[in-house]
Amino acid sequence: MKSSTINSAKKSRRGRPAVESDAVNVRMTIEALKDLDDWRRQQEDLPGRPEAIRRLVEIGLKGKK
């Protein structure tokens, strides 16, 4: 039996597009998370925790130069 054209067509993948990156898992104290959430709420676009951490790391690294 021949396979149908629909089954042999390449399916698109779901989820985020591939990005050259590595995942980093971080354990934070409740106090640090509270401070992070307070900082997030001061941002106009209310970033999620991962994005807030990325932004704060970038700010910290720029300030170090």
C-alpha atoms as a PDB file:
ATOM      1  CA  MET A   1       0.000   0.000   0.000  1.00  0.00           C
ATOM      2  CA  LYS A   2       1.301   3.462  -0.904  1.00  0.00           C
ATOM      3  CA  SER A   3       1.649   6.068   1.818  1.00  0.00           C
ATOM      4  CA  SER A   4      -0.546   9.080   1.369  1.00  0.00           C
ATOM      5  CA  THR A   5       0.886  12.487   0.509  1.00  0.00           C
ATOM      6  CA  ILE A   6      -0.393  13.884   3.804  1.00  0.00           C
ATOM      7  CA  ASN A   7       1.532  11.346   5.896  1.00  0.00           C
ATOM      8  CA  SER A   8       4.767  11.803   3.976  1.00  0.00           C
ATOM      9  CA  ALA A   9       4.675  15.608   4.149  1.00  0.00           C
ATOM     10  CA  LYS A  10       7.141  17.172   6.583  1.00  0.00           C
ATOM     11  CA  LYS A  11       5.318  18.327   9.694  1.00  0.00           C
ATOM     12  CA  SER A  12       6.238  21.558  11.411  1.00  0.00           C
ATOM     13  CA  ARG A  13       7.496  21.328  14.969  1.00  0.00           C
ATOM     14  CA  ARG A  14       5.660  22.854  17.874  1.00  0.00           C
ATOM     15  CA  GLY A  15       7.099  25.021  20.592  1.00  0.00           C
ATOM     16  CA  ARG A  16       9.874  27.564  20.683  1.00  0.00           C
ATOM     17  CA  PRO A  17      12.201  27.845  17.715  1.00  0.00           C
ATOM     18  CA  ALA A  18      15.660  26.369  18.196  1.00  0.00           C
ATOM     19  CA  VAL A  19      18.134  28.773  19.782  1.00  0.00           C
ATOM     20  CA  GLU A  20      21.815  28.228  20.426  1.00  0.00           C
ATOM     21  CA  SER A  21      21.736  28.208  24.227  1.00  0.00           C
ATOM     22  CA  ASP A  22      22.130  26.108  27.357  1.00  0.00           C
ATOM     23  CA  ALA A  23      19.601  25.756  30.154  1.00  0.00           C
ATOM     24  CA  VAL A  24      20.675  26.887  33.623  1.00  0.00           C
ATOM     25  CA  ASN A  25      18.720  25.806  36.681  1.00  0.00           C
ATOM     26  CA  VAL A  26      19.020  28.098  39.683  1.00  0.00           C
ATOM     27  CA  ARG A  27      17.795  27.557  43.226  1.00  0.00           C
ATOM     28  CA  MET A  28      16.888  30.823  44.973  1.00  0.00           C
ATOM     29  CA  THR A  29      15.788  31.641  48.494  1.00  0.00           C
ATOM     30  CA  ILE A  30      12.222  32.776  49.096  1.00  0.00           C
ATOM     31  CA  GLU A  31      13.598  36.219  49.982  1.00  0.00           C
ATOM     32  CA  ALA A  32      15.522  36.440  46.677  1.00  0.00           C
ATOM     33  CA  LEU A  33      12.397  35.385  44.744  1.00  0.00           C
ATOM     34  CA  LYS A  34      10.373  38.034  46.550  1.00  0.00           C
ATOM     35  CA  ASP A  35      12.951  40.657  45.561  1.00  0.00           C
ATOM     36  CA  LEU A  36      12.934  39.352  41.985  1.00  0.00           C
ATOM     37  CA  ASP A  37       9.131  39.483  41.811  1.00  0.00           C
ATOM     38  CA  ASP A  38       9.140  43.027  43.250  1.00  0.00           C
ATOM     39  CA  TRP A  39      11.625  44.081  40.538  1.00  0.00           C
ATOM     40  CA  ARG A  40       9.509  42.374  37.832  1.00  0.00           C
ATOM     41  CA  ARG A  41       6.404  44.289  38.914  1.00  0.00           C
ATOM     42  CA  GLN A  42       8.244  47.592  38.419  1.00  0.00           C
ATOM     43  CA  GLN A  43       8.856  46.767  34.729  1.00  0.00           C
ATOM     44  CA  GLU A  44       6.341  48.050  32.177  1.00  0.00           C
ATOM     45  CA  ASP A  45       5.880  44.678  30.466  1.00  0.00           C
ATOM     46  CA  LEU A  46       5.974  42.433  33.608  1.00  0.00           C
ATOM     47  CA  PRO A  47       8.504  39.876  32.362  1.00  0.00           C
ATOM     48  CA  GLY A  48       8.366  36.300  33.568  1.00  0.00           C
ATOM     49  CA  ARG A  49      10.950  35.141  36.072  1.00  0.00           C
ATOM     50  CA  PRO A  50      13.342  33.676  33.461  1.00  0.00           C
ATOM     51  CA  GLU A  51      13.289  36.880  31.399  1.00  0.00           C
ATOM     52  CA  ALA A  52      13.706  38.998  34.543  1.00  0.00           C
ATOM     53  CA  ILE A  53      16.762  36.959  35.519  1.00  0.00           C
ATOM     54  CA  ARG A  54      18.228  37.354  32.005  1.00  0.00           C
ATOM     55  CA  ARG A  55      17.713  41.124  32.164  1.00  0.00           C
ATOM     56  CA  LEU A  56      19.224  41.442  35.629  1.00  0.00           C
ATOM     57  CA  VAL A  57      22.270  39.378  34.637  1.00  0.00           C
ATOM     58  CA  GLU A  58      22.737  41.616  31.586  1.00  0.00           C
ATOM     59  CA  ILE A  59      22.437  44.752  33.755  1.00  0.00           C
ATOM     60  CA  GLY A  60      24.917  43.308  36.253  1.00  0.00           C
ATOM     61  CA  LEU A  61      27.430  42.391  33.576  1.00  0.00           C
ATOM     62  CA  LYS A  62      27.198  45.810  31.915  1.00  0.00           C
ATOM     63  CA  GLY A  63      27.737  47.525  35.269  1.00  0.00           C
ATOM     64  CA  LYS A  64      30.838  45.442  35.907  1.00  0.00           C
ATOM     65  CA  LYS A  65      32.675  46.839  32.837  1.00  0.00           C
END
